[in-house]
């Protein structure tokens, strides 16, 4: 009698690709979790994006207000 060890059976089951309802349910579950995270983190995400945009705007203003920065002409009077 040829018996596989329990770990062999578990490995065979884990490596087998099963199609059908299981994959669909996992996908739907992950989508629901992602949507919930978006709703919960909306304010934090908005603040995070605003901080990045503000920093980039300040940096751009600084670069453009420096005469001759990066070989560009003085942009203050244009």
C-alpha atoms as a PDB file:
ATOM      1  CA  UNK A   1       0.000   0.000   0.000  1.00  0.00           C
ATOM      2  CA  UNK A   2       1.433   3.389  -1.062  1.00  0.00           C
ATOM      3  CA  UNK A   3       0.591   6.059   1.488  1.00  0.00           C
ATOM      4  CA  UNK A   4       1.740   9.640   1.260  1.00  0.00           C
ATOM      5  CA  UNK A   5       2.650  11.455   4.439  1.00  0.00           C
ATOM      6  CA  UNK A   6       0.132  14.027   5.605  1.00  0.00           C
ATOM      7  CA  UNK A   7       2.423  16.900   4.533  1.00  0.00           C
ATOM      8  CA  UNK A   8       2.570  15.453   1.037  1.00  0.00           C
ATOM      9  CA  UNK A   9      -1.213  15.457   0.816  1.00  0.00           C
ATOM     10  CA  UNK A  10      -1.363  19.023   2.107  1.00  0.00           C
ATOM     11  CA  UNK A  11       1.273  20.140  -0.396  1.00  0.00           C
ATOM     12  CA  UNK A  12      -0.568  18.440  -3.257  1.00  0.00           C
ATOM     13  CA  UNK A  13      -3.785  20.200  -2.257  1.00  0.00           C
ATOM     14  CA  UNK A  14      -2.077  23.595  -1.853  1.00  0.00           C
ATOM     15  CA  UNK A  15      -0.332  23.402  -5.227  1.00  0.00           C
ATOM     16  CA  UNK A  16      -3.458  22.355  -7.124  1.00  0.00           C
ATOM     17  CA  UNK A  17      -5.234  25.215  -8.868  1.00  0.00           C
ATOM     18  CA  UNK A  18      -8.917  25.012  -8.219  1.00  0.00           C
ATOM     19  CA  UNK A  19     -11.202  27.064 -10.355  1.00  0.00           C
ATOM     20  CA  UNK A  20     -14.666  28.133  -9.496  1.00  0.00           C
ATOM     21  CA  UNK A  21     -16.369  29.767  -6.600  1.00  0.00           C
ATOM     22  CA  UNK A  22     -13.388  29.865  -4.224  1.00  0.00           C
ATOM     23  CA  UNK A  23     -11.335  32.178  -6.437  1.00  0.00           C
ATOM     24  CA  UNK A  24     -14.290  34.456  -7.056  1.00  0.00           C
ATOM     25  CA  UNK A  25     -15.066  34.724  -3.333  1.00  0.00           C
ATOM     26  CA  UNK A  26     -11.445  35.552  -2.494  1.00  0.00           C
ATOM     27  CA  UNK A  27     -11.368  38.245  -5.189  1.00  0.00           C
ATOM     28  CA  UNK A  28     -14.632  39.783  -3.984  1.00  0.00           C
ATOM     29  CA  UNK A  29     -13.398  39.669  -0.385  1.00  0.00           C
ATOM     30  CA  UNK A  30     -10.176  41.467  -1.275  1.00  0.00           C
ATOM     31  CA  UNK A  31     -12.116  44.124  -3.195  1.00  0.00           C
ATOM     32  CA  UNK A  32     -14.399  44.720  -0.212  1.00  0.00           C
ATOM     33  CA  UNK A  33     -11.400  45.071   2.101  1.00  0.00           C
ATOM     34  CA  UNK A  34      -9.773  47.550  -0.305  1.00  0.00           C
ATOM     35  CA  UNK A  35     -12.960  49.629  -0.492  1.00  0.00           C
ATOM     36  CA  UNK A  36     -13.299  49.670   3.290  1.00  0.00           C
ATOM     37  CA  UNK A  37      -9.690  50.818   3.639  1.00  0.00           C
ATOM     38  CA  UNK A  38     -10.332  53.617   1.138  1.00  0.00           C
ATOM     39  CA  UNK A  39     -13.381  54.790   3.098  1.00  0.00           C
ATOM     40  CA  UNK A  40     -11.625  54.599   6.463  1.00  0.00           C
ATOM     41  CA  UNK A  41      -8.352  56.161   5.272  1.00  0.00           C
ATOM     42  CA  UNK A  42      -9.919  58.847   3.039  1.00  0.00           C
ATOM     43  CA  UNK A  43      -9.080  61.785   5.302  1.00  0.00           C
ATOM     44  CA  UNK A  44      -5.545  60.583   5.972  1.00  0.00           C
ATOM     45  CA  UNK A  45      -4.954  59.948   2.288  1.00  0.00           C
ATOM     46  CA  UNK A  46      -6.270  63.409   1.351  1.00  0.00           C
ATOM     47  CA  UNK A  47      -3.985  65.036   3.919  1.00  0.00           C
ATOM     48  CA  UNK A  48      -1.022  62.965   2.719  1.00  0.00           C
ATOM     49  CA  UNK A  49      -1.567  63.970  -0.927  1.00  0.00           C
ATOM     50  CA  UNK A  50      -2.040  67.638   0.015  1.00  0.00           C
ATOM     51  CA  UNK A  51       1.227  67.579   1.962  1.00  0.00           C
ATOM     52  CA  UNK A  52       3.104  66.161  -1.022  1.00  0.00           C
ATOM     53  CA  UNK A  53       1.544  68.662  -3.445  1.00  0.00           C
ATOM     54  CA  UNK A  54       2.306  71.558  -1.082  1.00  0.00           C
ATOM     55  CA  UNK A  55       5.950  70.478  -0.738  1.00  0.00           C
ATOM     56  CA  UNK A  56       6.353  70.071  -4.505  1.00  0.00           C
ATOM     57  CA  UNK A  57       4.759  73.483  -5.116  1.00  0.00           C
ATOM     58  CA  UNK A  58       7.087  75.157  -2.614  1.00  0.00           C
ATOM     59  CA  UNK A  59      10.076  73.426  -4.191  1.00  0.00           C
ATOM     60  CA  UNK A  60       9.037  74.495  -7.693  1.00  0.00           C
ATOM     61  CA  UNK A  61       8.544  78.095  -6.542  1.00  0.00           C
ATOM     62  CA  UNK A  62      11.975  78.047  -4.944  1.00  0.00           C
ATOM     63  CA  UNK A  63      13.621  76.714  -8.089  1.00  0.00           C
ATOM     64  CA  UNK A  64      11.841  79.200 -10.349  1.00  0.00           C
ATOM     65  CA  UNK A  65      12.623  82.164  -8.079  1.00  0.00           C
ATOM     66  CA  UNK A  66      16.366  81.439  -8.092  1.00  0.00           C
ATOM     67  CA  UNK A  67      17.986  83.453 -10.888  1.00  0.00           C
ATOM     68  CA  UNK A  68      19.840  81.248 -13.345  1.00  0.00           C
ATOM     69  CA  UNK A  69      18.917  78.009 -11.577  1.00  0.00           C
ATOM     70  CA  UNK A  70      19.767  74.965 -13.679  1.00  0.00           C
ATOM     71  CA  UNK A  71      20.895  77.167 -16.534  1.00  0.00           C
ATOM     72  CA  UNK A  72      17.409  78.617 -16.997  1.00  0.00           C
ATOM     73  CA  UNK A  73      16.854  82.334 -17.506  1.00  0.00           C
ATOM     74  CA  UNK A  74      15.530  84.433 -14.639  1.00  0.00           C
ATOM     75  CA  UNK A  75      11.793  83.590 -14.594  1.00  0.00           C
ATOM     76  CA  UNK A  76      10.775  86.247 -12.033  1.00  0.00           C
ATOM     77  CA  UNK A  77      10.149  88.929 -14.604  1.00  0.00           C
ATOM     78  CA  UNK A  78       8.473  86.881 -17.311  1.00  0.00           C
END
